[in-house]
PDB file of N, CA and C in Angstrom:
ATOM      1  N   MET A   1     135.801  79.859  67.233  1.00  0.00           N
ATOM      2  CA  MET A   1     135.773  79.024  68.413  1.00  0.00           C
ATOM      3  C   MET A   1     134.588  79.449  69.268  1.00  0.00           C
ATOM      4  N   GLY A   2     133.993  78.498  69.927  1.00  0.00           N
ATOM      5  CA  GLY A   2     132.872  78.835  70.774  1.00  0.00           C
ATOM      6  C   GLY A   2     132.319  77.614  71.472  1.00  0.00           C
ATOM      7  N   LEU A   3     131.216  77.818  72.165  1.00  0.00           N
ATOM      8  CA  LEU A   3     130.519  76.752  72.866  1.00  0.00           C
ATOM      9  C   LEU A   3     129.105  76.647  72.331  1.00  0.00           C
ATOM     10  N   GLY A   4     128.570  75.440  72.325  1.00  0.00           N
ATOM     11  CA  GLY A   4     127.195  75.203  71.902  1.00  0.00           C
ATOM     12  C   GLY A   4     126.464  74.401  72.960  1.00  0.00           C
ATOM     13  N   TYR A   5     125.153  74.518  72.947  1.00  0.00           N
ATOM     14  CA  TYR A   5     124.309  73.815  73.908  1.00  0.00           C
ATOM     15  C   TYR A   5     123.234  73.064  73.140  1.00  0.00           C
ATOM     16  N   VAL A   6     123.034  71.784  73.475  1.00  0.00           N
ATOM     17  CA  VAL A   6     122.035  70.958  72.812  1.00  0.00           C
ATOM     18  C   VAL A   6     121.224  70.248  73.888  1.00  0.00           C
ATOM     19  N   ALA A   7     119.904  70.198  73.713  1.00  0.00           N
ATOM     20  CA  ALA A   7     119.026  69.504  74.659  1.00  0.00           C
ATOM     21  C   ALA A   7     118.165  68.517  73.895  1.00  0.00           C
ATOM     22  N   ARG A   8     117.864  67.405  74.540  1.00  0.00           N
ATOM     23  CA  ARG A   8     117.015  66.374  73.935  1.00  0.00           C
ATOM     24  C   ARG A   8     116.133  65.787  75.017  1.00  0.00           C
ATOM     25  N   GLU A   9     114.842  65.747  74.787  1.00  0.00           N
ATOM     26  CA  GLU A   9     113.900  65.130  75.712  1.00  0.00           C
ATOM     27  C   GLU A   9     113.111  64.086  74.968  1.00  0.00           C
ATOM     28  N   ARG A  10     112.855  62.954  75.644  1.00  0.00           N
ATOM     29  CA  ARG A  10     112.101  61.890  74.991  1.00  0.00           C
ATOM     30  C   ARG A  10     111.442  61.020  76.044  1.00  0.00           C
ATOM     31  N   ALA A  11     110.431  60.278  75.625  1.00  0.00           N
ATOM     32  CA  ALA A  11     109.814  59.273  76.479  1.00  0.00           C
ATOM     33  C   ALA A  11     110.732  58.055  76.443  1.00  0.00           C
ATOM     34  N   ALA A  12     111.222  57.623  77.597  1.00  0.00           N
ATOM     35  CA  ALA A  12     112.217  56.551  77.671  1.00  0.00           C
ATOM     36  C   ALA A  12     111.587  55.205  77.997  1.00  0.00           C
ATOM     37  N   GLY A  13     110.310  55.096  77.943  1.00  0.00           N
ATOM     38  CA  GLY A  13     109.631  53.846  78.260  1.00  0.00           C
ATOM     39  C   GLY A  13     108.311  54.156  78.926  1.00  0.00           C
ATOM     40  N   VAL A  14     107.620  53.129  79.339  1.00  0.00           N
ATOM     41  CA  VAL A  14     106.306  53.313  79.955  1.00  0.00           C
ATOM     42  C   VAL A  14     106.479  54.055  81.278  1.00  0.00           C
ATOM     43  N   GLY A  15     105.992  55.279  81.328  1.00  0.00           N
ATOM     44  CA  GLY A  15     106.018  56.060  82.559  1.00  0.00           C
ATOM     45  C   GLY A  15     107.316  56.776  82.853  1.00  0.00           C
ATOM     46  N   PHE A  16     108.278  56.786  81.925  1.00  0.00           N
ATOM     47  CA  PHE A  16     109.556  57.436  82.179  1.00  0.00           C
ATOM     48  C   PHE A  16     109.852  58.485  81.113  1.00  0.00           C
ATOM     49  N   ASP A  17     110.428  59.605  81.542  1.00  0.00           N
ATOM     50  CA  ASP A  17     110.903  60.657  80.648  1.00  0.00           C
ATOM     51  C   ASP A  17     112.405  60.782  80.814  1.00  0.00           C
ATOM     52  N   GLU A  18     113.099  61.043  79.726  1.00  0.00           N
ATOM     53  CA  GLU A  18     114.547  61.189  79.762  1.00  0.00           C
ATOM     54  C   GLU A  18     114.913  62.543  79.174  1.00  0.00           C
ATOM     55  N   SER A  19     115.765  63.292  79.868  1.00  0.00           N
ATOM     56  CA  SER A  19     116.264  64.576  79.388  1.00  0.00           C
ATOM     57  C   SER A  19     117.785  64.513  79.342  1.00  0.00           C
ATOM     58  N   LEU A  20     118.361  64.935  78.233  1.00  0.00           N
ATOM     59  CA  LEU A  20     119.809  64.950  78.063  1.00  0.00           C
ATOM     60  C   LEU A  20     120.245  66.338  77.631  1.00  0.00           C
ATOM     61  N   TYR A  21     121.296  66.856  78.250  1.00  0.00           N
ATOM     62  CA  TYR A  21     121.805  68.186  77.951  1.00  0.00           C
ATOM     63  C   TYR A  21     123.306  68.079  77.714  1.00  0.00           C
ATOM     64  N   LYS A  22     123.798  68.690  76.632  1.00  0.00           N
ATOM     65  CA  LYS A  22     125.223  68.636  76.300  1.00  0.00           C
ATOM     66  C   LYS A  22     125.760  70.044  76.052  1.00  0.00           C
ATOM     67  N   ILE A  23     126.967  70.263  76.526  1.00  0.00           N
ATOM     68  CA  ILE A  23     127.726  71.461  76.163  1.00  0.00           C
ATOM     69  C   ILE A  23     128.859  70.979  75.273  1.00  0.00           C
ATOM     70  N   GLN A  24     129.024  71.643  74.115  1.00  0.00           N
ATOM     71  CA  GLN A  24     130.014  71.226  73.134  1.00  0.00           C
ATOM     72  C   GLN A  24     130.930  72.390  72.774  1.00  0.00           C
ATOM     73  N   ALA A  25     132.205  72.092  72.555  1.00  0.00           N
ATOM     74  CA  ALA A  25     133.155  73.091  72.073  1.00  0.00           C
ATOM     75  C   ALA A  25     133.143  73.054  70.544  1.00  0.00           C
ATOM     76  N   HIS A  26     133.137  74.221  69.936  1.00  0.00           N
ATOM     77  CA  HIS A  26     133.135  74.331  68.469  1.00  0.00           C
ATOM     78  C   HIS A  26     134.441  74.993  68.026  1.00  0.00           C
ATOM     79  N   ALA A  27     135.035  74.475  66.964  1.00  0.00           N
ATOM     80  CA  ALA A  27     136.215  75.101  66.362  1.00  0.00           C
ATOM     81  C   ALA A  27     136.079  74.953  64.847  1.00  0.00           C
ATOM     82  N   GLY A  28     136.189  76.063  64.151  1.00  0.00           N
ATOM     83  CA  GLY A  28     136.020  76.000  62.705  1.00  0.00           C
ATOM     84  C   GLY A  28     136.351  77.319  62.051  1.00  0.00           C
ATOM     85  N   GLY A  29     135.834  77.490  60.864  1.00  0.00           N
ATOM     86  CA  GLY A  29     136.113  78.713  60.134  1.00  0.00           C
ATOM     87  C   GLY A  29     135.086  78.984  59.059  1.00  0.00           C
ATOM     88  N   ARG A  30     135.289  80.119  58.419  1.00  0.00           N
ATOM     89  CA  ARG A  30     134.369  80.554  57.368  1.00  0.00           C
ATOM     90  C   ARG A  30     135.184  81.031  56.180  1.00  0.00           C
ATOM     91  N   LEU A  31     134.733  80.667  54.997  1.00  0.00           N
ATOM     92  CA  LEU A  31     135.385  81.054  53.754  1.00  0.00           C
ATOM     93  C   LEU A  31     134.382  81.836  52.912  1.00  0.00           C
ATOM     94  N   ASP A  32     134.692  83.112  52.643  1.00  0.00           N
ATOM     95  CA  ASP A  32     133.833  83.936  51.792  1.00  0.00           C
ATOM     96  C   ASP A  32     134.272  83.781  50.346  1.00  0.00           C
ATOM     97  N   LEU A  33     133.317  83.535  49.462  1.00  0.00           N
ATOM     98  CA  LEU A  33     133.590  83.330  48.045  1.00  0.00           C
ATOM     99  C   LEU A  33     132.910  84.425  47.230  1.00  0.00           C
ATOM    100  N   ASP A  34     133.692  85.282  46.623  1.00  0.00           N
ATOM    101  CA  ASP A  34     133.182  86.299  45.712  1.00  0.00           C
ATOM    102  C   ASP A  34     132.207  87.277  46.383  1.00  0.00           C
ATOM    103  N   ASN A  35     132.322  87.494  47.657  1.00  0.00           N
ATOM    104  CA  ASN A  35     131.458  88.413  48.424  1.00  0.00           C
ATOM    105  C   ASN A  35     129.969  88.136  48.256  1.00  0.00           C
ATOM    106  N   ARG A  36     129.627  87.010  47.692  1.00  0.00           N
ATOM    107  CA  ARG A  36     128.212  86.650  47.512  1.00  0.00           C
ATOM    108  C   ARG A  36     127.870  85.343  48.214  1.00  0.00           C
ATOM    109  N   PHE A  37     128.795  84.405  48.230  1.00  0.00           N
ATOM    110  CA  PHE A  37     128.594  83.092  48.840  1.00  0.00           C
ATOM    111  C   PHE A  37     129.581  82.915  49.982  1.00  0.00           C
ATOM    112  N   TYR A  38     129.235  82.071  50.937  1.00  0.00           N
ATOM    113  CA  TYR A  38     130.189  81.706  51.968  1.00  0.00           C
ATOM    114  C   TYR A  38     129.940  80.259  52.400  1.00  0.00           C
ATOM    115  N   PHE A  39     130.985  79.666  52.894  1.00  0.00           N
ATOM    116  CA  PHE A  39     130.936  78.302  53.408  1.00  0.00           C
ATOM    117  C   PHE A  39     131.569  78.322  54.789  1.00  0.00           C
ATOM    118  N   SER A  40     130.892  77.740  55.760  1.00  0.00           N
ATOM    119  CA  SER A  40     131.474  77.635  57.100  1.00  0.00           C
ATOM    120  C   SER A  40     131.341  76.194  57.580  1.00  0.00           C
ATOM    121  N   ALA A  41     132.310  75.764  58.358  1.00  0.00           N
ATOM    122  CA  ALA A  41     132.301  74.415  58.912  1.00  0.00           C
ATOM    123  C   ALA A  41     132.988  74.452  60.265  1.00  0.00           C
ATOM    124  N   ALA A  42     132.551  73.580  61.154  1.00  0.00           N
ATOM    125  CA  ALA A  42     133.153  73.499  62.482  1.00  0.00           C
ATOM    126  C   ALA A  42     133.081  72.074  62.999  1.00  0.00           C
ATOM    127  N   ALA A  43     134.117  71.686  63.698  1.00  0.00           N
ATOM    128  CA  ALA A  43     134.124  70.414  64.415  1.00  0.00           C
ATOM    129  C   ALA A  43     133.553  70.682  65.804  1.00  0.00           C
ATOM    130  N   LYS A  44     132.829  69.708  66.332  1.00  0.00           N
ATOM    131  CA  LYS A  44     132.219  69.860  67.657  1.00  0.00           C
ATOM    132  C   LYS A  44     132.716  68.719  68.547  1.00  0.00           C
ATOM    133  N   LEU A  45     133.203  69.074  69.719  1.00  0.00           N
ATOM    134  CA  LEU A  45     133.647  68.086  70.696  1.00  0.00           C
ATOM    135  C   LEU A  45     132.811  68.216  71.953  1.00  0.00           C
ATOM    136  N   PRO A  46     132.328  67.110  72.514  1.00  0.00           N
ATOM    137  CA  PRO A  46     131.546  67.188  73.744  1.00  0.00           C
ATOM    138  C   PRO A  46     132.427  67.580  74.932  1.00  0.00           C
ATOM    139  N   VAL A  47     131.893  68.450  75.782  1.00  0.00           N
ATOM    140  CA  VAL A  47     132.612  68.920  76.957  1.00  0.00           C
ATOM    141  C   VAL A  47     131.961  68.380  78.229  1.00  0.00           C
ATOM    142  N   TYR A  48     130.632  68.514  78.319  1.00  0.00           N
ATOM    143  CA  TYR A  48     129.923  68.121  79.542  1.00  0.00           C
ATOM    144  C   TYR A  48     128.537  67.592  79.172  1.00  0.00           C
ATOM    145  N   THR A  49     128.103  66.528  79.832  1.00  0.00           N
ATOM    146  CA  THR A  49     126.773  65.962  79.627  1.00  0.00           C
ATOM    147  C   THR A  49     126.060  65.837  80.963  1.00  0.00           C
ATOM    148  N   TYR A  50     124.800  66.255  80.970  1.00  0.00           N
ATOM    149  CA  TYR A  50     123.936  66.064  82.133  1.00  0.00           C
ATOM    150  C   TYR A  50     122.678  65.368  81.647  1.00  0.00           C
ATOM    151  N   GLY A  51     122.251  64.341  82.343  1.00  0.00           N
ATOM    152  CA  GLY A  51     121.039  63.630  81.963  1.00  0.00           C
ATOM    153  C   GLY A  51     120.198  63.303  83.178  1.00  0.00           C
ATOM    154  N   LEU A  52     118.905  63.211  82.988  1.00  0.00           N
ATOM    155  CA  LEU A  52     117.972  62.902  84.068  1.00  0.00           C
ATOM    156  C   LEU A  52     116.870  62.008  83.525  1.00  0.00           C
ATOM    157  N   THR A  53     116.614  60.897  84.210  1.00  0.00           N
ATOM    158  CA  THR A  53     115.472  60.043  83.907  1.00  0.00           C
ATOM    159  C   THR A  53     114.525  60.167  85.079  1.00  0.00           C
ATOM    160  N   ASP A  54     113.275  60.497  84.810  1.00  0.00           N
ATOM    161  CA  ASP A  54     112.287  60.716  85.856  1.00  0.00           C
ATOM    162  C   ASP A  54     110.992  60.019  85.467  1.00  0.00           C
ATOM    163  N   THR A  55     110.137  59.797  86.451  1.00  0.00           N
ATOM    164  CA  THR A  55     108.861  59.144  86.185  1.00  0.00           C
ATOM    165  C   THR A  55     107.804  60.180  85.839  1.00  0.00           C
ATOM    166  N   ARG A  56     106.870  59.780  85.011  1.00  0.00           N
ATOM    167  CA  ARG A  56     105.713  60.618  84.704  1.00  0.00           C
ATOM    168  C   ARG A  56     104.545  60.252  85.591  1.00  0.00           C
ATOM    169  N   LEU A  57     104.691  59.164  86.337  1.00  0.00           N
ATOM    170  CA  LEU A  57     103.562  58.659  87.121  1.00  0.00           C
ATOM    171  C   LEU A  57     103.515  59.207  88.529  1.00  0.00           C
ATOM    172  N   GLY A  58     104.489  60.017  88.913  1.00  0.00           N
ATOM    173  CA  GLY A  58     104.473  60.649  90.222  1.00  0.00           C
ATOM    174  C   GLY A  58     104.517  59.652  91.360  1.00  0.00           C
ATOM    175  N   LEU A  59     103.556  59.715  92.270  1.00  0.00           N
ATOM    176  CA  LEU A  59     103.551  58.896  93.479  1.00  0.00           C
ATOM    177  C   LEU A  59     103.271  57.425  93.213  1.00  0.00           C
ATOM    178  N   PHE A  60     102.807  57.070  92.022  1.00  0.00           N
ATOM    179  CA  PHE A  60     102.437  55.688  91.738  1.00  0.00           C
ATOM    180  C   PHE A  60     103.633  54.809  91.399  1.00  0.00           C
ATOM    181  N   SER A  61     104.819  55.392  91.271  1.00  0.00           N
ATOM    182  CA  SER A  61     105.995  54.623  90.915  1.00  0.00           C
ATOM    183  C   SER A  61     106.953  54.545  92.092  1.00  0.00           C
ATOM    184  N   SER A  62     107.584  53.391  92.275  1.00  0.00           N
ATOM    185  CA  SER A  62     108.538  53.232  93.364  1.00  0.00           C
ATOM    186  C   SER A  62     109.955  53.596  92.932  1.00  0.00           C
ATOM    187  N   GLN A  63     110.166  53.938  91.667  1.00  0.00           N
ATOM    188  CA  GLN A  63     111.500  54.252  91.177  1.00  0.00           C
ATOM    189  C   GLN A  63     111.825  55.716  91.438  1.00  0.00           C
ATOM    190  N   ASN A  64     113.069  55.973  91.805  1.00  0.00           N
ATOM    191  CA  ASN A  64     113.540  57.340  92.026  1.00  0.00           C
ATOM    192  C   ASN A  64     114.182  57.873  90.753  1.00  0.00           C
ATOM    193  N   PRO A  65     114.173  59.186  90.566  1.00  0.00           N
ATOM    194  CA  PRO A  65     114.849  59.736  89.391  1.00  0.00           C
ATOM    195  C   PRO A  65     116.343  59.413  89.446  1.00  0.00           C
ATOM    196  N   SER A  66     116.940  59.169  88.299  1.00  0.00           N
ATOM    197  CA  SER A  66     118.383  58.946  88.247  1.00  0.00           C
ATOM    198  C   SER A  66     118.999  60.002  87.349  1.00  0.00           C
ATOM    199  N   SER A  67     120.213  60.409  87.679  1.00  0.00           N
ATOM    200  CA  SER A  67     120.866  61.439  86.879  1.00  0.00           C
ATOM    201  C   SER A  67     122.287  61.012  86.539  1.00  0.00           C
ATOM    202  N   VAL A  68     122.809  61.639  85.493  1.00  0.00           N
ATOM    203  CA  VAL A  68     124.169  61.384  85.025  1.00  0.00           C
ATOM    204  C   VAL A  68     124.860  62.724  84.846  1.00  0.00           C
ATOM    205  N   HIS A  69     126.071  62.849  85.386  1.00  0.00           N
ATOM    206  CA  HIS A  69     126.933  64.006  85.150  1.00  0.00           C
ATOM    207  C   HIS A  69     128.232  63.449  84.598  1.00  0.00           C
ATOM    208  N   ARG A  70     128.644  63.943  83.441  1.00  0.00           N
ATOM    209  CA  ARG A  70     129.853  63.385  82.840  1.00  0.00           C
ATOM    210  C   ARG A  70     130.652  64.503  82.172  1.00  0.00           C
ATOM    211  N   TYR A  71     131.954  64.542  82.460  1.00  0.00           N
ATOM    212  CA  TYR A  71     132.866  65.469  81.801  1.00  0.00           C
ATOM    213  C   TYR A  71     133.443  64.739  80.590  1.00  0.00           C
ATOM    214  N   ASP A  72     132.880  64.995  79.426  1.00  0.00           N
ATOM    215  CA  ASP A  72     133.207  64.260  78.209  1.00  0.00           C
ATOM    216  C   ASP A  72     134.613  64.534  77.694  1.00  0.00           C
ATOM    217  N   PHE A  73     135.174  65.712  77.975  1.00  0.00           N
ATOM    218  CA  PHE A  73     136.499  66.025  77.441  1.00  0.00           C
ATOM    219  C   PHE A  73     137.575  65.105  78.030  1.00  0.00           C
ATOM    220  N   ALA A  74     137.286  64.445  79.138  1.00  0.00           N
ATOM    221  CA  ALA A  74     138.244  63.512  79.734  1.00  0.00           C
ATOM    222  C   ALA A  74     138.266  62.171  78.995  1.00  0.00           C
ATOM    223  N   HIS A  75     137.277  61.915  78.123  1.00  0.00           N
ATOM    224  CA  HIS A  75     137.169  60.634  77.419  1.00  0.00           C
ATOM    225  C   HIS A  75     137.011  60.862  75.911  1.00  0.00           C
ATOM    226  N   LEU A  76     137.827  61.724  75.335  1.00  0.00           N
ATOM    227  CA  LEU A  76     137.695  62.050  73.914  1.00  0.00           C
ATOM    228  C   LEU A  76     138.207  60.909  73.037  1.00  0.00           C
ATOM    229  N   SER A  77     137.514  60.687  71.952  1.00  0.00           N
ATOM    230  CA  SER A  77     137.939  59.713  70.943  1.00  0.00           C
ATOM    231  C   SER A  77     137.439  60.201  69.591  1.00  0.00           C
ATOM    232  N   SER A  78     137.836  59.524  68.534  1.00  0.00           N
ATOM    233  CA  SER A  78     137.401  59.947  67.198  1.00  0.00           C
ATOM    234  C   SER A  78     135.896  59.785  67.018  1.00  0.00           C
ATOM    235  N   SER A  79     135.254  58.904  67.781  1.00  0.00           N
ATOM    236  CA  SER A  79     133.803  58.739  67.668  1.00  0.00           C
ATOM    237  C   SER A  79     133.042  59.900  68.297  1.00  0.00           C
ATOM    238  N   ASN A  80     133.714  60.706  69.134  1.00  0.00           N
ATOM    239  CA  ASN A  80     133.073  61.867  69.758  1.00  0.00           C
ATOM    240  C   ASN A  80     133.046  63.086  68.838  1.00  0.00           C
ATOM    241  N   LEU A  81     133.836  63.055  67.765  1.00  0.00           N
ATOM    242  CA  LEU A  81     133.956  64.202  66.882  1.00  0.00           C
ATOM    243  C   LEU A  81     132.707  64.333  66.012  1.00  0.00           C
ATOM    244  N   LEU A  82     132.061  65.486  66.069  1.00  0.00           N
ATOM    245  CA  LEU A  82     130.853  65.770  65.303  1.00  0.00           C
ATOM    246  C   LEU A  82     131.106  66.990  64.422  1.00  0.00           C
ATOM    247  N   TRP A  83     130.205  67.241  63.447  1.00  0.00           N
ATOM    248  CA  TRP A  83     130.403  68.312  62.483  1.00  0.00           C
ATOM    249  C   TRP A  83     129.157  69.164  62.336  1.00  0.00           C
ATOM    250  N   THR A  84     129.385  70.386  61.957  1.00  0.00           N
ATOM    251  CA  THR A  84     128.310  71.283  61.564  1.00  0.00           C
ATOM    252  C   THR A  84     128.846  72.178  60.450  1.00  0.00           C
ATOM    253  N   GLY A  85     127.983  72.602  59.576  1.00  0.00           N
ATOM    254  CA  GLY A  85     128.421  73.464  58.495  1.00  0.00           C
ATOM    255  C   GLY A  85     127.253  74.103  57.782  1.00  0.00           C
ATOM    256  N   GLU A  86     127.554  75.135  57.004  1.00  0.00           N
ATOM    257  CA  GLU A  86     126.506  75.774  56.221  1.00  0.00           C
ATOM    258  C   GLU A  86     127.096  76.419  54.978  1.00  0.00           C
ATOM    259  N   LEU A  87     126.250  76.509  53.977  1.00  0.00           N
ATOM    260  CA  LEU A  87     126.562  77.203  52.730  1.00  0.00           C
ATOM    261  C   LEU A  87     125.554  78.334  52.627  1.00  0.00           C
ATOM    262  N   GLY A  88     126.050  79.555  52.515  1.00  0.00           N
ATOM    263  CA  GLY A  88     125.164  80.707  52.529  1.00  0.00           C
ATOM    264  C   GLY A  88     125.280  81.566  51.289  1.00  0.00           C
ATOM    265  N   VAL A  89     124.195  82.262  50.995  1.00  0.00           N
ATOM    266  CA  VAL A  89     124.130  83.206  49.885  1.00  0.00           C
ATOM    267  C   VAL A  89     123.673  84.539  50.463  1.00  0.00           C
ATOM    268  N   HIS A  90     124.459  85.600  50.213  1.00  0.00           N
ATOM    269  CA  HIS A  90     124.055  86.944  50.639  1.00  0.00           C
ATOM    270  C   HIS A  90     122.952  87.434  49.696  1.00  0.00           C
ATOM    271  N   LEU A  91     121.774  87.690  50.243  1.00  0.00           N
ATOM    272  CA  LEU A  91     120.649  88.141  49.424  1.00  0.00           C
ATOM    273  C   LEU A  91     120.610  89.654  49.274  1.00  0.00           C
ATOM    274  N   GLY A  92     121.387  90.348  50.083  1.00  0.00           N
ATOM    275  CA  GLY A  92     121.347  91.808  50.084  1.00  0.00           C
ATOM    276  C   GLY A  92     120.408  92.293  51.171  1.00  0.00           C
ATOM    277  N   LEU A  93     120.462  93.589  51.455  1.00  0.00           N
ATOM    278  CA  LEU A  93     119.628  94.210  52.490  1.00  0.00           C
ATOM    279  C   LEU A  93     119.750  93.508  53.838  1.00  0.00           C
ATOM    280  N   GLY A  94     120.934  92.979  54.134  1.00  0.00           N
ATOM    281  CA  GLY A  94     121.181  92.366  55.441  1.00  0.00           C
ATOM    282  C   GLY A  94     120.554  91.004  55.635  1.00  0.00           C
ATOM    283  N   ALA A  95     120.301  90.261  54.585  1.00  0.00           N
ATOM    284  CA  ALA A  95     119.695  88.932  54.699  1.00  0.00           C
ATOM    285  C   ALA A  95     120.567  87.897  53.984  1.00  0.00           C
ATOM    286  N   ASP A  96     120.629  86.715  54.572  1.00  0.00           N
ATOM    287  CA  ASP A  96     121.343  85.586  53.990  1.00  0.00           C
ATOM    288  C   ASP A  96     120.403  84.386  53.944  1.00  0.00           C
ATOM    289  N   LEU A  97     120.528  83.588  52.910  1.00  0.00           N
ATOM    290  CA  LEU A  97     119.829  82.311  52.810  1.00  0.00           C
ATOM    291  C   LEU A  97     120.879  81.222  52.968  1.00  0.00           C
ATOM    292  N   THR A  98     120.680  80.284  53.902  1.00  0.00           N
ATOM    293  CA  THR A  98     121.677  79.252  54.141  1.00  0.00           C
ATOM    294  C   THR A  98     121.056  77.863  54.052  1.00  0.00           C
ATOM    295  N   ILE A  99     121.899  76.921  53.667  1.00  0.00           N
ATOM    296  CA  ILE A  99     121.598  75.494  53.761  1.00  0.00           C
ATOM    297  C   ILE A  99     122.572  74.968  54.801  1.00  0.00           C
ATOM    298  N   TYR A 100     122.072  74.290  55.832  1.00  0.00           N
ATOM    299  CA  TYR A 100     122.950  73.867  56.921  1.00  0.00           C
ATOM    300  C   TYR A 100     122.857  72.369  57.167  1.00  0.00           C
ATOM    301  N   TYR A 101     123.900  71.859  57.784  1.00  0.00           N
ATOM    302  CA  TYR A 101     123.989  70.474  58.237  1.00  0.00           C
ATOM    303  C   TYR A 101     124.493  70.514  59.668  1.00  0.00           C
ATOM    304  N   ASP A 102     123.839  69.762  60.550  1.00  0.00           N
ATOM    305  CA  ASP A 102     124.251  69.732  61.957  1.00  0.00           C
ATOM    306  C   ASP A 102     124.146  68.303  62.460  1.00  0.00           C
ATOM    307  N   GLN A 103     125.182  67.841  63.124  1.00  0.00           N
ATOM    308  CA  GLN A 103     125.246  66.471  63.617  1.00  0.00           C
ATOM    309  C   GLN A 103     125.375  66.495  65.137  1.00  0.00           C
ATOM    310  N   ASN A 104     124.548  65.698  65.815  1.00  0.00           N
ATOM    311  CA  ASN A 104     124.609  65.560  67.274  1.00  0.00           C
ATOM    312  C   ASN A 104     124.476  64.090  67.636  1.00  0.00           C
ATOM    313  N   ALA A 105     125.012  63.715  68.783  1.00  0.00           N
ATOM    314  CA  ALA A 105     124.898  62.344  69.280  1.00  0.00           C
ATOM    315  C   ALA A 105     124.641  62.402  70.777  1.00  0.00           C
ATOM    316  N   PHE A 106     123.731  61.568  71.238  1.00  0.00           N
ATOM    317  CA  PHE A 106     123.383  61.512  72.653  1.00  0.00           C
ATOM    318  C   PHE A 106     123.513  60.076  73.136  1.00  0.00           C
ATOM    319  N   ASP A 107     124.259  59.872  74.217  1.00  0.00           N
ATOM    320  CA  ASP A 107     124.346  58.549  74.829  1.00  0.00           C
ATOM    321  C   ASP A 107     123.097  58.330  75.668  1.00  0.00           C
ATOM    322  N   LEU A 108     122.433  57.200  75.458  1.00  0.00           N
ATOM    323  CA  LEU A 108     121.242  56.871  76.223  1.00  0.00           C
ATOM    324  C   LEU A 108     121.638  56.115  77.485  1.00  0.00           C
ATOM    325  N   TYR A 109     120.751  56.089  78.449  1.00  0.00           N
ATOM    326  CA  TYR A 109     121.050  55.399  79.691  1.00  0.00           C
ATOM    327  C   TYR A 109     121.144  53.897  79.485  1.00  0.00           C
ATOM    328  N   GLU A 110     120.494  53.388  78.468  1.00  0.00           N
ATOM    329  CA  GLU A 110     120.597  51.969  78.172  1.00  0.00           C
ATOM    330  C   GLU A 110     122.015  51.710  77.674  1.00  0.00           C
ATOM    331  N   ALA A 111     122.693  50.772  78.285  1.00  0.00           N
ATOM    332  CA  ALA A 111     124.118  50.545  78.023  1.00  0.00           C
ATOM    333  C   ALA A 111     124.407  50.346  76.538  1.00  0.00           C
ATOM    334  N   GLY A 112     125.407  51.074  76.056  1.00  0.00           N
ATOM    335  CA  GLY A 112     125.885  50.885  74.701  1.00  0.00           C
ATOM    336  C   GLY A 112     125.056  51.493  73.596  1.00  0.00           C
ATOM    337  N   ARG A 113     123.986  52.208  73.911  1.00  0.00           N
ATOM    338  CA  ARG A 113     123.141  52.786  72.862  1.00  0.00           C
ATOM    339  C   ARG A 113     123.422  54.273  72.712  1.00  0.00           C
ATOM    340  N   THR A 114     123.484  54.725  71.478  1.00  0.00           N
ATOM    341  CA  THR A 114     123.678  56.135  71.175  1.00  0.00           C
ATOM    342  C   THR A 114     122.595  56.566  70.205  1.00  0.00           C
ATOM    343  N   LEU A 115     121.981  57.698  70.499  1.00  0.00           N
ATOM    344  CA  LEU A 115     120.968  58.284  69.622  1.00  0.00           C
ATOM    345  C   LEU A 115     121.662  59.313  68.747  1.00  0.00           C
ATOM    346  N   SER A 116     121.672  59.097  67.447  1.00  0.00           N
ATOM    347  CA  SER A 116     122.292  60.018  66.503  1.00  0.00           C
ATOM    348  C   SER A 116     121.235  60.928  65.911  1.00  0.00           C
ATOM    349  N   GLU A 117     121.605  62.173  65.743  1.00  0.00           N
ATOM    350  CA  GLU A 117     120.677  63.129  65.162  1.00  0.00           C
ATOM    351  C   GLU A 117     121.429  63.944  64.125  1.00  0.00           C
ATOM    352  N   GLU A 118     120.939  63.938  62.918  1.00  0.00           N
ATOM    353  CA  GLU A 118     121.504  64.747  61.854  1.00  0.00           C
ATOM    354  C   GLU A 118     120.401  65.627  61.289  1.00  0.00           C
ATOM    355  N   ARG A 119     120.691  66.903  61.189  1.00  0.00           N
ATOM    356  CA  ARG A 119     119.702  67.839  60.666  1.00  0.00           C
ATOM    357  C   ARG A 119     120.254  68.507  59.410  1.00  0.00           C
ATOM    358  N   ILE A 120     119.402  68.581  58.416  1.00  0.00           N
ATOM    359  CA  ILE A 120     119.709  69.313  57.193  1.00  0.00           C
ATOM    360  C   ILE A 120     118.523  70.236  56.956  1.00  0.00           C
ATOM    361  N   GLY A 121     118.798  71.489  56.683  1.00  0.00           N
ATOM    362  CA  GLY A 121     117.690  72.407  56.498  1.00  0.00           C
ATOM    363  C   GLY A 121     118.132  73.717  55.891  1.00  0.00           C
ATOM    364  N   THR A 122     117.204  74.619  55.818  1.00  0.00           N
ATOM    365  CA  THR A 122     117.478  75.966  55.315  1.00  0.00           C
ATOM    366  C   THR A 122     117.023  76.973  56.352  1.00  0.00           C
ATOM    367  N   ARG A 123     117.623  78.126  56.293  1.00  0.00           N
ATOM    368  CA  ARG A 123     117.183  79.223  57.155  1.00  0.00           C
ATOM    369  C   ARG A 123     117.535  80.545  56.495  1.00  0.00           C
ATOM    370  N   ILE A 124     116.786  81.547  56.878  1.00  0.00           N
ATOM    371  CA  ILE A 124     117.065  82.922  56.436  1.00  0.00           C
ATOM    372  C   ILE A 124     117.547  83.684  57.654  1.00  0.00           C
ATOM    373  N   ILE A 125     118.673  84.337  57.505  1.00  0.00           N
ATOM    374  CA  ILE A 125     119.271  85.098  58.607  1.00  0.00           C
ATOM    375  C   ILE A 125     119.151  86.580  58.261  1.00  0.00           C
ATOM    376  N   PHE A 126     118.546  87.345  59.163  1.00  0.00           N
ATOM    377  CA  PHE A 126     118.437  88.790  58.994  1.00  0.00           C
ATOM    378  C   PHE A 126     119.446  89.452  59.919  1.00  0.00           C
ATOM    379  N   ARG A 127     120.196  90.407  59.398  1.00  0.00           N
ATOM    380  CA  ARG A 127     121.177  91.134  60.187  1.00  0.00           C
ATOM    381  C   ARG A 127     120.698  92.582  60.336  1.00  0.00           C
ATOM    382  N   PHE A 128     120.597  93.024  61.601  1.00  0.00           N
ATOM    383  CA  PHE A 128     120.140  94.387  61.887  1.00  0.00           C
ATOM    384  C   PHE A 128     121.318  95.218  62.365  1.00  0.00           C
ATOM    385  N   LYS A 129     121.379  96.452  61.931  1.00  0.00           N
ATOM    386  CA  LYS A 129     122.468  97.362  62.357  1.00  0.00           C
ATOM    387  C   LYS A 129     121.940  98.400  63.297  1.00  0.00           C
TER     388      LYS A 129
END
C-alpha cells in the first residue's frame, strides 16, 4: 500500500500552458517465483487532483489563470481504476532487470476529455546496502 504522485504539463492551445498533478493510492502485492523472478501488480485510485491553466503571453493576454482542485476519492467509479505492474529478474550483485507497465489518466479542462497515458518499458534497479 502506498501513495504515488504523477505530473503532466502540456501546451493547451495558442498561448496557454496546462499543468495537472495527481496523488494516487496504490494497493497491490508482489509474488516471488523461484527466488530469481518476481511479479508485482497494484491497482491505483485517484485521491486528489490539482490543475492550473496559465498564459504564456504574460501581460498581452486578458485571460486570468484558472485552477482546479478536486478530491477524486469522493467520486470513485470503475473508470477511475488504473493499473501498474512489473516483471523482474534478479541479476545478482544487488541488481534487478524489470519490464514494467504503468497506466495514468488525466482529465483535461475541456469538458468530457481525458488524456490517457500508458507506459511500457524496462529499467535496471540497483540495491545498495
